[in-house]
C-alpha atoms as a PDB file:
ATOM      1  CA  UNK A   1     -32.702  15.831  36.404  1.00  0.00           C
ATOM      2  CA  UNK A   2     -28.903  15.919  36.171  1.00  0.00           C
ATOM      3  CA  UNK A   3     -28.550  19.131  38.200  1.00  0.00           C
ATOM      4  CA  UNK A   4     -30.604  17.716  41.084  1.00  0.00           C
ATOM      5  CA  UNK A   5     -28.685  14.427  40.938  1.00  0.00           C
ATOM      6  CA  UNK A   6     -25.357  16.282  41.050  1.00  0.00           C
ATOM      7  CA  UNK A   7     -26.418  18.355  44.068  1.00  0.00           C
ATOM      8  CA  UNK A   8     -27.703  15.237  45.795  1.00  0.00           C
ATOM      9  CA  UNK A   9     -24.435  13.363  45.239  1.00  0.00           C
ATOM     10  CA  UNK A  10     -22.408  16.381  46.388  1.00  0.00           C
ATOM     11  CA  UNK A  11     -24.394  16.528  49.619  1.00  0.00           C
ATOM     12  CA  UNK A  12     -25.906  19.931  48.759  1.00  0.00           C
ATOM     13  CA  UNK A  13     -29.491  18.649  48.607  1.00  0.00           C
ATOM     14  CA  UNK A  14     -31.174  16.380  51.150  1.00  0.00           C
ATOM     15  CA  UNK A  15     -32.559  13.148  49.692  1.00  0.00           C
ATOM     16  CA  UNK A  16     -36.265  12.956  48.994  1.00  0.00           C
ATOM     17  CA  UNK A  17     -38.463  11.218  51.549  1.00  0.00           C
ATOM     18  CA  UNK A  18     -38.599   7.477  51.061  1.00  0.00           C
ATOM     19  CA  UNK A  19     -41.921   6.424  49.519  1.00  0.00           C
ATOM     20  CA  UNK A  20     -42.154   3.332  51.705  1.00  0.00           C
ATOM     21  CA  UNK A  21     -42.277   5.437  54.855  1.00  0.00           C
ATOM     22  CA  UNK A  22     -45.119   7.454  56.244  1.00  0.00           C
ATOM     23  CA  UNK A  23     -48.863   7.209  56.287  1.00  0.00           C
ATOM     24  CA  UNK A  24     -51.570   6.605  53.735  1.00  0.00           C
ATOM     25  CA  UNK A  25     -52.110   9.701  51.578  1.00  0.00           C
ATOM     26  CA  UNK A  26     -53.957  10.837  48.483  1.00  0.00           C
ATOM     27  CA  UNK A  27     -51.852  11.266  45.333  1.00  0.00           C
ATOM     28  CA  UNK A  28     -52.606  12.164  41.724  1.00  0.00           C
ATOM     29  CA  UNK A  29     -51.006   9.196  40.004  1.00  0.00           C
ATOM     30  CA  UNK A  30     -48.884   6.135  40.724  1.00  0.00           C
ATOM     31  CA  UNK A  31     -45.679   5.024  39.053  1.00  0.00           C
ATOM     32  CA  UNK A  32     -44.960   1.374  39.611  1.00  0.00           C
ATOM     33  CA  UNK A  33     -45.520  -2.219  38.702  1.00  0.00           C
ATOM     34  CA  UNK A  34     -47.557  -3.359  41.712  1.00  0.00           C
ATOM     35  CA  UNK A  35     -50.939  -1.681  41.919  1.00  0.00           C
ATOM     36  CA  UNK A  36     -54.363  -2.788  43.082  1.00  0.00           C
ATOM     37  CA  UNK A  37     -57.670  -1.301  41.993  1.00  0.00           C
ATOM     38  CA  UNK A  38     -61.219  -1.829  43.121  1.00  0.00           C
ATOM     39  CA  UNK A  39     -63.222  -3.488  40.354  1.00  0.00           C
ATOM     40  CA  UNK A  40     -65.697  -0.605  40.496  1.00  0.00           C
ATOM     41  CA  UNK A  41     -62.902   1.857  39.625  1.00  0.00           C
ATOM     42  CA  UNK A  42     -62.070  -0.050  36.447  1.00  0.00           C
ATOM     43  CA  UNK A  43     -65.659  -0.631  35.359  1.00  0.00           C
ATOM     44  CA  UNK A  44     -65.578   2.634  33.368  1.00  0.00           C
ATOM     45  CA  UNK A  45     -61.858   2.811  32.532  1.00  0.00           C
ATOM     46  CA  UNK A  46     -59.602   0.361  30.703  1.00  0.00           C
ATOM     47  CA  UNK A  47     -55.876   0.358  30.003  1.00  0.00           C
ATOM     48  CA  UNK A  48     -55.070   2.303  26.824  1.00  0.00           C
ATOM     49  CA  UNK A  49     -53.720  -0.248  24.334  1.00  0.00           C
ATOM     50  CA  UNK A  50     -52.671   2.563  21.967  1.00  0.00           C
ATOM     51  CA  UNK A  51     -49.901   3.927  24.197  1.00  0.00           C
ATOM     52  CA  UNK A  52     -46.484   3.847  22.478  1.00  0.00           C
ATOM     53  CA  UNK A  53     -43.663   1.395  23.212  1.00  0.00           C
ATOM     54  CA  UNK A  54     -45.683  -1.537  24.533  1.00  0.00           C
ATOM     55  CA  UNK A  55     -47.944   0.697  26.649  1.00  0.00           C
ATOM     56  CA  UNK A  56     -45.181   2.877  28.040  1.00  0.00           C
ATOM     57  CA  UNK A  57     -46.253   4.668  31.256  1.00  0.00           C
ATOM     58  CA  UNK A  58     -49.560   2.831  31.413  1.00  0.00           C
ATOM     59  CA  UNK A  59     -49.333   3.031  35.204  1.00  0.00           C
ATOM     60  CA  UNK A  60     -49.330   6.840  35.188  1.00  0.00           C
ATOM     61  CA  UNK A  61     -52.035   6.934  32.528  1.00  0.00           C
ATOM     62  CA  UNK A  62     -54.501   4.636  34.272  1.00  0.00           C
ATOM     63  CA  UNK A  63     -54.038   6.113  37.742  1.00  0.00           C
ATOM     64  CA  UNK A  64     -54.399   9.704  36.547  1.00  0.00           C
ATOM     65  CA  UNK A  65     -57.652   8.720  34.793  1.00  0.00           C
ATOM     66  CA  UNK A  66     -58.904   6.836  37.867  1.00  0.00           C
ATOM     67  CA  UNK A  67     -58.118   9.964  39.942  1.00  0.00           C
ATOM     68  CA  UNK A  68     -60.715  11.751  37.824  1.00  0.00           C
ATOM     69  CA  UNK A  69     -63.341   9.401  39.283  1.00  0.00           C
ATOM     70  CA  UNK A  70     -62.273   9.610  42.915  1.00  0.00           C
ATOM     71  CA  UNK A  71     -59.296   9.319  45.219  1.00  0.00           C
ATOM     72  CA  UNK A  72     -56.043   7.497  44.472  1.00  0.00           C
ATOM     73  CA  UNK A  73     -54.460   6.479  47.757  1.00  0.00           C
ATOM     74  CA  UNK A  74     -50.867   5.496  48.393  1.00  0.00           C
ATOM     75  CA  UNK A  75     -50.596   3.045  51.282  1.00  0.00           C
ATOM     76  CA  UNK A  76     -46.991   2.206  52.281  1.00  0.00           C
END
């Protein structure tokens, strides 16, 4: 949000940890354009073609639904 951005730019808030660093961890959903899924994870779930604006936030939608079936892992 704008308040957080202002504090960050003013040096009052430390920057968030870089997502490319660290170890593999479980997360609830993924935001991004480069994802890989096991075929078995998508055997029951498909991308929702009814999302607005050319499937806006389809990445968050599909990964949050896949998380309902098992683990979603982030591997830097």
